[in-house]
Amino acid sequence: MACLSLRCRDCGVLLKSVAEAQEHSELTSHSNFSKSTEAVLNLVCTTCGKPCRSNTESDLHTKRTGHADFVDKTSEAAKPIELEAPKVPPEPEEGDKSAESEPAHEMAFPEVDKKLLEELESMGFATAKATRALHYSGNSSVEDAVNWVVDHENDSDIDEMPRVLVEIKIESGKPSLTPEQVKIKAQELRERARKKKEVEEKRMEREREKERIRVGKEFLEAKRIAEENERKRVIAFRKAEKEEEKRAREKIRQRLEEDKAERRRNLGLPPEEPATVKASPLVMEEKKNSLPVKPASKAGRMRDCLRSLKQNHKDNGAKVKRAFQTLLTYAGNVAKNPDEEKFRKIRLNNPTFHDRVGSLQGGIEFLELCGFEKIEGGEFLFLPRDKVDIAVLKAAGAELNSAIANPFFGVL
């Protein structure tokens, strides 16, 4: 079958003639073409008469205008493509003026207003698109050309240079371009297209760089806002923690006051007067600067001994807690089994006792307050049976339980 079209193997478009293939190559730099027996469609809109070269163009035309009726005139327009070079017509003989009188026809770029074209190009429109817009809008104004571009933005040939049929006169004796001149002309066109592509790529690179800078600034700003919000959240959390700690301290202080009042009632002492409970700041300052007052009761001395033990070893809270628990075990065993001598006698050089209690300043002193005495040259701690005081041991247990359960013990 005859060749009805040329297919671009780079993009798949069908072209009607060799001239269209050359124009397509100049605009896109595609140079790989093959023969095709498939004719370029010629779908004519019955409403407005616009020809469409493919089903895609007709679908776009329908979406844009709502015109859905087309007449297929492909068979009428399909003609075999002449791939051979056209024969040069013989030179007219002298006196034969028929050649001069008969004008020839060829496709050429339309003439448009150069001033309007420059304005459209300065607005960012490509030369082909601006030329097409001015040609089809009648070279009336820039506004009409822009409106035409908006209306025909989805046209498949929007970026192609339009062609119009013009009449030319072939002057006798004027030689046509030689193959070498054709090659040079084609090379110039390709070089011009390459330079134009380089300029466009540089412009796009500048736009991409601006976009990267903008995105980077937005990212840094978002990061700064996130860090600021996190800092505010941490400050609010710490403030809430301090408030909670303050309330806990107040509850512990009130509980200590209640425990103190309860102990005074158990000992048969009168309750403290409010004036003595809340001392003035001046009195508190004098107490800080004065020597410590000896506690009035054994329970108070035990409390002070435990407080001193914790303050002396405040850097090792786990070891202090273990010492309190060990002391509580010793006091509890004696209170539950006062007749068992093994619970009332402790070897001071015992490794476990030394590690848990004996090595801590204040541990042995607390046991001595419970009634234990050093015997046999200070080798043992012993609590005689007749000196076992269950009330003292219970008071010691109460102080130890309070010290273990109170996280602020020894701090207030």
Protein backbone atom coordinates (compact mmCIF):
# COMPACT_ATOMS: atom_id res chain seq x y z
CA MET A 1 0.00 0.00 0.00
CA ALA A 2 1.07 3.59 -0.59
CA CYS A 3 2.59 5.65 2.21
CA LEU A 4 -0.21 7.91 3.54
CA SER A 5 1.67 9.53 6.44
CA LEU A 6 4.97 9.75 8.28
CA ARG A 7 5.17 8.63 11.93
CA CYS A 8 7.64 10.18 14.35
CA ARG A 9 9.17 7.28 16.27
CA ASP A 10 10.21 9.63 19.08
CA CYS A 11 6.74 10.91 20.00
CA GLY A 12 4.33 8.84 17.80
CA VAL A 13 2.66 11.78 16.01
CA LEU A 14 1.40 11.32 12.40
CA LEU A 15 2.44 13.89 9.80
CA LYS A 16 0.76 14.53 6.45
CA SER A 17 3.80 15.41 4.37
CA VAL A 18 7.57 15.66 4.21
CA ALA A 19 7.27 19.40 4.82
CA GLU A 20 5.40 18.77 8.06
CA ALA A 21 8.06 16.24 9.07
CA GLN A 22 10.81 18.82 8.43
CA GLU A 23 8.92 21.45 10.44
CA HIS A 24 8.34 18.94 13.26
CA SER A 25 12.06 18.11 13.27
CA GLU A 26 13.00 21.80 13.46
CA LEU A 27 10.67 22.43 16.40
CA THR A 28 11.31 19.25 18.42
CA SER A 29 14.76 18.06 17.19
CA HIS A 30 13.17 14.66 16.45
CA SER A 31 14.76 13.04 13.40
CA ASN A 32 13.54 9.43 13.47
CA PHE A 33 10.61 9.02 11.02
CA SER A 34 9.07 5.99 9.32
CA LYS A 35 6.47 5.39 6.61
CA SER A 36 2.91 4.62 7.70
CA THR A 37 -0.15 3.39 5.81
CA GLU A 38 -2.36 5.02 8.46
CA ALA A 39 -3.82 8.29 7.18
CA VAL A 40 -3.93 11.40 9.37
CA LEU A 41 -7.53 11.86 10.48
CA ASN A 42 -9.53 14.75 9.10
CA LEU A 43 -12.50 15.12 11.46
CA VAL A 44 -14.45 18.31 10.70
CA CYS A 45 -16.78 19.78 13.33
CA THR A 46 -20.23 20.24 11.79
CA THR A 47 -20.96 23.18 14.10
CA CYS A 48 -17.93 25.43 13.66
CA GLY A 49 -15.98 23.70 10.88
CA LYS A 50 -12.78 23.20 12.88
CA PRO A 51 -10.68 20.30 11.50
CA CYS A 52 -9.19 17.84 14.01
CA ARG A 53 -6.26 15.58 13.16
CA SER A 54 -6.97 12.92 15.80
CA ASN A 55 -9.61 11.60 18.21
CA THR A 56 -7.74 13.31 21.03
CA GLU A 57 -8.13 16.69 19.34
CA SER A 58 -11.83 16.05 18.74
CA ASP A 59 -12.35 15.05 22.38
CA LEU A 60 -10.59 18.22 23.57
CA HIS A 61 -12.66 20.31 21.14
CA THR A 62 -15.86 18.70 22.49
CA LYS A 63 -14.87 19.37 26.11
CA ARG A 64 -13.98 22.98 25.33
CA THR A 65 -16.89 23.95 23.09
CA GLY A 66 -19.54 21.26 23.62
CA HIS A 67 -19.59 20.44 19.88
CA ALA A 68 -19.89 16.67 19.55
CA ASP A 69 -20.79 16.14 15.86
CA PHE A 70 -17.89 15.56 13.44
CA VAL A 71 -17.71 14.51 9.79
CA ASP A 72 -14.88 12.10 8.89
CA LYS A 73 -13.26 13.41 5.68
CA THR A 74 -10.10 11.38 6.06
CA SER A 75 -10.63 9.43 2.86
CA GLU A 76 -11.06 12.66 0.90
CA ALA A 77 -7.87 14.22 2.24
CA ALA A 78 -5.71 11.06 2.29
CA LYS A 79 -3.15 11.16 -0.51
CA PRO A 80 0.07 9.22 -0.97
CA ILE A 81 3.17 11.09 0.20
CA GLU A 82 5.81 11.85 -2.42
CA LEU A 83 9.11 10.93 -0.78
CA GLU A 84 11.25 11.59 -3.87
CA ALA A 85 12.63 15.03 -4.55
CA PRO A 86 10.36 17.05 -6.82
CA LYS A 87 11.49 17.40 -10.40
CA VAL A 88 12.85 20.76 -11.38
CA PRO A 89 10.58 22.29 -14.00
CA PRO A 90 12.26 23.15 -17.29
CA GLU A 91 13.36 26.67 -17.76
CA PRO A 92 10.92 28.64 -19.85
CA GLU A 93 12.04 29.47 -23.33
CA GLU A 94 12.66 33.00 -24.38
CA GLY A 95 9.47 34.74 -25.20
CA ASP A 96 7.41 32.27 -23.14
CA LYS A 97 5.74 34.45 -20.53
CA SER A 98 3.25 31.87 -19.34
CA ALA A 99 5.59 30.75 -16.52
CA GLU A 100 5.95 34.27 -15.26
CA SER A 101 2.23 34.84 -15.30
CA GLU A 102 1.32 31.64 -13.48
CA PRO A 103 1.92 32.09 -9.74
CA ALA A 104 3.07 29.14 -7.59
CA HIS A 105 1.79 28.32 -4.11
CA GLU A 106 3.63 27.31 -0.96
CA MET A 107 3.09 27.22 2.81
CA ALA A 108 4.72 30.10 4.69
CA PHE A 109 4.60 31.69 8.12
CA PRO A 110 1.89 34.37 8.42
CA GLU A 111 2.83 38.02 8.73
CA VAL A 112 1.91 39.45 12.19
CA ASP A 113 2.39 42.76 13.94
CA LYS A 114 6.00 42.66 15.19
CA LYS A 115 5.30 45.12 18.01
CA LEU A 116 2.44 43.01 19.35
CA LEU A 117 4.60 39.89 18.91
CA GLU A 118 7.41 41.43 20.98
CA GLU A 119 4.93 42.35 23.74
CA LEU A 120 3.60 38.79 23.89
CA GLU A 121 7.14 37.37 23.95
CA SER A 122 8.07 39.73 26.80
CA MET A 123 5.05 38.35 28.70
CA GLY A 124 6.57 34.85 28.50
CA PHE A 125 4.73 33.40 25.46
CA ALA A 126 6.72 31.32 22.99
CA THR A 127 7.18 32.75 19.50
CA ALA A 128 5.10 30.02 17.84
CA LYS A 129 2.23 30.37 20.33
CA ALA A 130 2.30 34.20 20.11
CA THR A 131 2.36 34.11 16.28
CA ARG A 132 -0.56 31.65 16.20
CA ALA A 133 -2.56 33.78 18.66
CA LEU A 134 -2.01 37.03 16.70
CA HIS A 135 -2.79 35.36 13.37
CA TYR A 136 -6.08 33.80 14.49
CA SER A 137 -7.16 36.84 16.54
CA GLY A 138 -6.69 39.15 13.55
CA ASN A 139 -3.67 41.12 14.90
CA SER A 140 -6.16 43.31 16.75
CA SER A 141 -4.60 43.64 20.20
CA VAL A 142 -2.52 41.88 22.85
CA GLU A 143 -5.64 41.32 24.95
CA ASP A 144 -7.45 39.49 22.13
CA ALA A 145 -4.37 37.35 21.50
CA VAL A 146 -4.13 36.39 25.18
CA ASN A 147 -7.85 35.53 25.25
CA TRP A 148 -7.36 33.33 22.19
CA VAL A 149 -4.48 31.48 23.93
CA VAL A 150 -6.69 30.91 26.99
CA ASP A 151 -9.52 29.53 24.83
CA HIS A 152 -7.20 27.25 22.81
CA GLU A 153 -4.71 26.24 25.51
CA ASN A 154 -5.57 22.55 25.08
CA ASP A 155 -5.10 22.50 21.29
CA SER A 156 -2.52 19.91 20.27
CA ASP A 157 -0.87 22.33 17.81
CA ILE A 158 -0.90 25.35 20.16
CA ASP A 159 2.93 25.38 20.26
CA GLU A 160 3.41 24.91 16.51
CA MET A 161 4.13 27.77 14.11
CA PRO A 162 1.05 28.32 11.87
CA ARG A 163 1.34 28.03 8.10
CA VAL A 164 -0.69 29.82 5.45
CA LEU A 165 -0.91 29.28 1.72
CA VAL A 166 0.68 32.13 -0.20
CA GLU A 167 1.30 32.79 -3.87
CA ILE A 168 4.84 33.32 -5.07
CA LYS A 169 6.29 34.08 -8.45
CA ILE A 170 9.11 31.95 -9.72
CA GLU A 171 11.59 34.21 -11.41
CA SER A 172 13.29 32.73 -14.40
CA GLY A 173 16.96 32.17 -14.08
CA LYS A 174 16.93 32.15 -10.25
CA PRO A 175 18.70 28.97 -9.09
CA SER A 176 17.20 26.81 -6.33
CA LEU A 177 19.12 25.82 -3.16
CA THR A 178 21.78 23.21 -3.64
CA PRO A 179 21.91 20.14 -1.31
CA GLU A 180 24.88 21.68 0.50
CA GLN A 181 22.93 24.89 1.07
CA VAL A 182 19.96 22.87 2.31
CA LYS A 183 22.23 21.07 4.81
CA ILE A 184 23.70 24.39 5.99
CA LYS A 185 20.21 25.86 6.37
CA ALA A 186 19.06 22.82 8.34
CA GLN A 187 22.17 23.01 10.54
CA GLU A 188 21.46 26.71 11.24
CA LEU A 189 17.87 25.90 12.19
CA ARG A 190 19.00 23.09 14.51
CA GLU A 191 21.62 25.33 16.09
CA ARG A 192 19.02 28.03 16.61
CA ALA A 193 16.63 25.52 18.21
CA ARG A 194 19.47 24.20 20.42
CA LYS A 195 20.36 27.69 21.65
CA LYS A 196 16.71 28.43 22.31
CA LYS A 197 16.42 25.19 24.28
CA GLU A 198 19.53 26.08 26.32
CA VAL A 199 18.09 29.49 27.16
CA GLU A 200 14.81 27.89 28.21
CA GLU A 201 16.63 25.29 30.34
CA LYS A 202 18.63 28.03 32.08
CA ARG A 203 15.44 29.94 32.77
CA MET A 204 13.78 26.82 34.17
CA GLU A 205 16.84 26.11 36.32
CA ARG A 206 16.61 29.62 37.78
CA GLU A 207 12.93 29.06 38.51
CA ARG A 208 13.69 25.71 40.15
CA GLU A 209 16.43 27.31 42.26
CA LYS A 210 14.03 30.02 43.40
CA GLU A 211 11.49 27.33 44.29
CA ARG A 212 14.12 25.38 46.25
CA ILE A 213 15.07 28.52 48.17
CA ARG A 214 11.42 29.25 48.93
CA VAL A 215 10.77 25.69 50.11
CA GLY A 216 13.93 25.82 52.24
CA LYS A 217 12.84 29.04 53.91
CA GLU A 218 9.38 27.62 54.59
CA PHE A 219 10.95 24.47 56.08
CA LEU A 220 13.24 26.50 58.36
CA GLU A 221 10.31 28.66 59.48
CA ALA A 222 8.19 25.60 60.21
CA LYS A 223 11.08 24.05 62.15
CA ARG A 224 11.53 27.25 64.17
CA ILE A 225 7.82 27.37 65.02
CA ALA A 226 7.88 23.69 66.04
CA GLU A 227 10.91 24.26 68.28
CA GLU A 228 9.26 27.32 69.83
CA ASN A 229 6.09 25.35 70.52
CA GLU A 230 8.14 22.52 72.04
CA ARG A 231 10.00 24.97 74.26
CA LYS A 232 6.72 26.48 75.47
CA ARG A 233 5.34 23.00 76.13
CA VAL A 234 8.42 22.05 78.18
CA ILE A 235 8.19 25.28 80.20
CA ALA A 236 4.49 24.68 80.88
CA PHE A 237 5.22 21.07 81.85
CA ARG A 238 7.98 22.11 84.26
CA LYS A 239 5.76 24.76 85.76
CA ALA A 240 3.02 22.18 86.30
CA GLU A 241 5.59 19.84 87.87
CA LYS A 242 6.69 22.55 90.28
CA GLU A 243 3.10 23.29 91.21
CA GLU A 244 2.46 19.58 91.79
CA GLU A 245 5.63 19.29 93.87
CA LYS A 246 4.62 22.33 95.91
CA ARG A 247 1.20 20.80 96.59
CA ALA A 248 2.85 17.49 97.56
CA ARG A 249 5.19 19.28 99.96
CA GLU A 250 2.25 21.05 101.54
CA LYS A 251 0.39 17.76 101.98
CA ILE A 252 3.47 16.16 103.54
CA ARG A 253 3.93 19.13 105.85
CA GLN A 254 0.31 18.91 106.95
CA ARG A 255 0.68 15.16 107.49
CA LEU A 256 3.83 15.69 109.55
CA GLU A 257 2.01 18.25 111.64
CA GLU A 258 -0.87 15.81 112.15
CA ASP A 259 1.56 13.02 113.06
CA LYS A 260 3.33 15.32 115.49
CA ALA A 261 0.06 16.31 117.11
CA GLU A 262 -0.96 12.63 117.31
CA ARG A 263 2.30 11.72 119.03
CA ARG A 264 1.86 14.53 121.53
CA ARG A 265 -1.62 13.23 122.31
CA ASN A 266 -0.27 9.68 122.73
CA LEU A 267 2.43 10.95 125.11
CA GLY A 268 -0.12 12.95 127.08
CA LEU A 269 1.38 16.30 126.13
CA PRO A 270 -0.80 19.35 125.52
CA PRO A 271 -1.20 20.49 121.87
CA GLU A 272 1.14 23.16 120.61
CA GLU A 273 -0.18 26.67 120.46
CA PRO A 274 -0.54 28.17 116.98
CA ALA A 275 1.84 30.96 117.89
CA THR A 276 4.61 28.43 118.52
CA VAL A 277 3.81 26.30 115.46
CA LYS A 278 4.23 29.13 112.94
CA ALA A 279 7.36 30.98 113.91
CA SER A 280 8.20 34.26 112.31
CA PRO A 281 10.93 34.39 109.61
CA LEU A 282 13.21 36.15 112.10
CA VAL A 283 12.84 33.30 114.60
CA MET A 284 13.43 30.74 111.83
CA GLU A 285 16.60 32.56 110.83
CA GLU A 286 17.78 32.57 114.45
CA LYS A 287 17.12 28.82 114.65
CA LYS A 288 19.23 28.23 111.56
CA ASN A 289 22.14 30.18 112.97
CA SER A 290 21.85 28.69 116.49
CA LEU A 291 23.02 25.27 117.63
CA PRO A 292 20.58 22.35 117.17
CA VAL A 293 18.30 21.72 120.09
CA LYS A 294 18.30 18.23 121.54
CA PRO A 295 15.00 16.48 120.81
CA ALA A 296 12.65 16.24 123.74
CA SER A 297 11.57 12.62 122.97
CA LYS A 298 13.28 9.43 121.81
CA ALA A 299 11.06 9.31 118.69
CA GLY A 300 12.24 12.78 117.73
CA ARG A 301 15.86 11.74 118.25
CA MET A 302 15.28 8.70 116.04
CA ARG A 303 13.78 10.94 113.35
CA ASP A 304 16.75 13.28 113.50
CA CYS A 305 19.13 10.32 113.32
CA LEU A 306 17.43 9.00 110.18
CA ARG A 307 17.35 12.51 108.67
CA SER A 308 21.07 12.89 109.34
CA LEU A 309 21.75 9.47 107.80
CA LYS A 310 19.96 10.42 104.60
CA GLN A 311 21.64 13.83 104.35
CA ASN A 312 25.09 12.30 104.89
CA HIS A 313 24.49 9.86 102.03
CA LYS A 314 22.16 11.91 99.79
CA ASP A 315 24.12 10.96 96.66
CA ASN A 316 23.14 7.29 97.05
CA GLY A 317 19.38 7.17 97.62
CA ALA A 318 19.10 3.44 96.90
CA LYS A 319 21.64 2.59 99.59
CA VAL A 320 19.87 4.83 102.14
CA LYS A 321 16.51 3.19 101.39
CA ARG A 322 18.05 -0.27 101.78
CA ALA A 323 19.53 0.78 105.16
CA PHE A 324 16.10 1.99 106.33
CA GLN A 325 14.51 -1.31 105.29
CA THR A 326 17.26 -3.31 107.07
CA LEU A 327 16.81 -1.31 110.29
CA LEU A 328 13.04 -1.85 110.02
CA THR A 329 13.66 -5.61 109.74
CA TYR A 330 15.87 -5.64 112.87
CA ALA A 331 13.34 -3.65 114.93
CA GLY A 332 10.42 -5.75 113.65
CA ASN A 333 12.10 -9.07 114.43
CA VAL A 334 12.85 -8.03 118.03
CA ALA A 335 9.30 -6.65 118.52
CA LYS A 336 7.73 -9.88 117.20
CA ASN A 337 10.14 -12.28 118.97
CA PRO A 338 11.51 -10.51 122.05
CA ASP A 339 12.61 -13.82 123.65
CA GLU A 340 14.76 -14.90 120.68
CA GLU A 341 18.39 -13.93 121.44
CA LYS A 342 19.44 -14.34 117.80
CA PHE A 343 17.31 -11.30 116.89
CA ARG A 344 18.72 -9.26 119.78
CA LYS A 345 22.42 -9.86 119.01
CA ILE A 346 24.22 -8.45 115.92
CA ARG A 347 27.86 -9.04 114.93
CA LEU A 348 29.31 -5.72 113.84
CA ASN A 349 31.87 -7.26 111.48
CA ASN A 350 29.19 -9.24 109.65
CA PRO A 351 29.68 -8.38 105.91
CA THR A 352 25.97 -8.00 105.18
CA PHE A 353 25.33 -5.84 108.25
CA HIS A 354 28.41 -3.74 107.58
CA ASP A 355 27.45 -3.17 103.92
CA ARG A 356 23.83 -2.26 104.62
CA VAL A 357 23.98 -0.44 108.00
CA GLY A 358 27.38 -0.43 109.70
CA SER A 359 29.18 1.48 106.94
CA LEU A 360 26.56 4.30 106.93
CA GLN A 361 27.00 7.13 109.39
CA GLY A 362 24.01 7.07 111.74
CA GLY A 363 23.01 3.40 111.30
CA ILE A 364 24.52 2.07 114.53
CA GLU A 365 23.36 5.19 116.42
CA PHE A 366 19.75 4.42 115.44
CA LEU A 367 20.06 0.88 116.83
CA GLU A 368 21.50 2.25 120.05
CA LEU A 369 18.44 4.51 120.35
CA CYS A 370 16.32 1.36 120.03
CA GLY A 371 18.13 -0.06 123.09
CA PHE A 372 21.06 -2.00 121.60
CA GLU A 373 24.40 -1.82 123.46
CA LYS A 374 27.96 -2.64 122.38
CA ILE A 375 29.45 -5.63 124.21
CA GLU A 376 32.61 -7.76 124.10
CA GLY A 377 34.89 -4.91 123.25
CA GLY A 378 32.57 -3.43 120.65
CA GLU A 379 32.34 -6.64 118.60
CA PHE A 380 28.59 -7.12 119.08
CA LEU A 381 25.44 -5.05 119.44
CA PHE A 382 23.16 -6.64 122.06
CA LEU A 383 19.69 -5.79 123.38
CA PRO A 384 19.13 -7.32 126.82
CA ARG A 385 15.78 -8.99 127.35
CA ASP A 386 14.89 -6.85 130.34
CA LYS A 387 15.54 -3.69 128.29
CA VAL A 388 13.26 -4.60 125.38
CA ASP A 389 10.71 -1.77 125.11
CA ILE A 390 7.96 -2.62 122.65
CA ALA A 391 6.73 0.99 122.57
CA VAL A 392 10.19 2.25 121.61
CA LEU A 393 10.49 -0.43 118.89
CA LYS A 394 7.05 0.50 117.51
CA ALA A 395 8.03 4.16 117.48
CA ALA A 396 11.23 3.22 115.62
CA GLY A 397 9.17 1.25 113.10
CA ALA A 398 6.81 4.19 112.59
CA GLU A 399 9.72 6.57 111.96
CA LEU A 400 11.34 4.12 109.52
CA ASN A 401 8.07 3.57 107.61
CA SER A 402 7.57 7.34 107.38
CA ALA A 403 11.14 7.82 106.14
CA ILE A 404 10.72 5.09 103.48
CA ALA A 405 7.29 6.26 102.25
CA ASN A 406 8.03 10.01 102.28
CA PRO A 407 10.04 11.00 99.15
CA PHE A 408 10.88 14.37 100.71
CA PHE A 409 12.15 12.95 104.00
CA GLY A 410 15.38 14.67 104.99
CA VAL A 411 14.82 17.41 102.37
CA LEU A 412 12.34 19.68 104.14
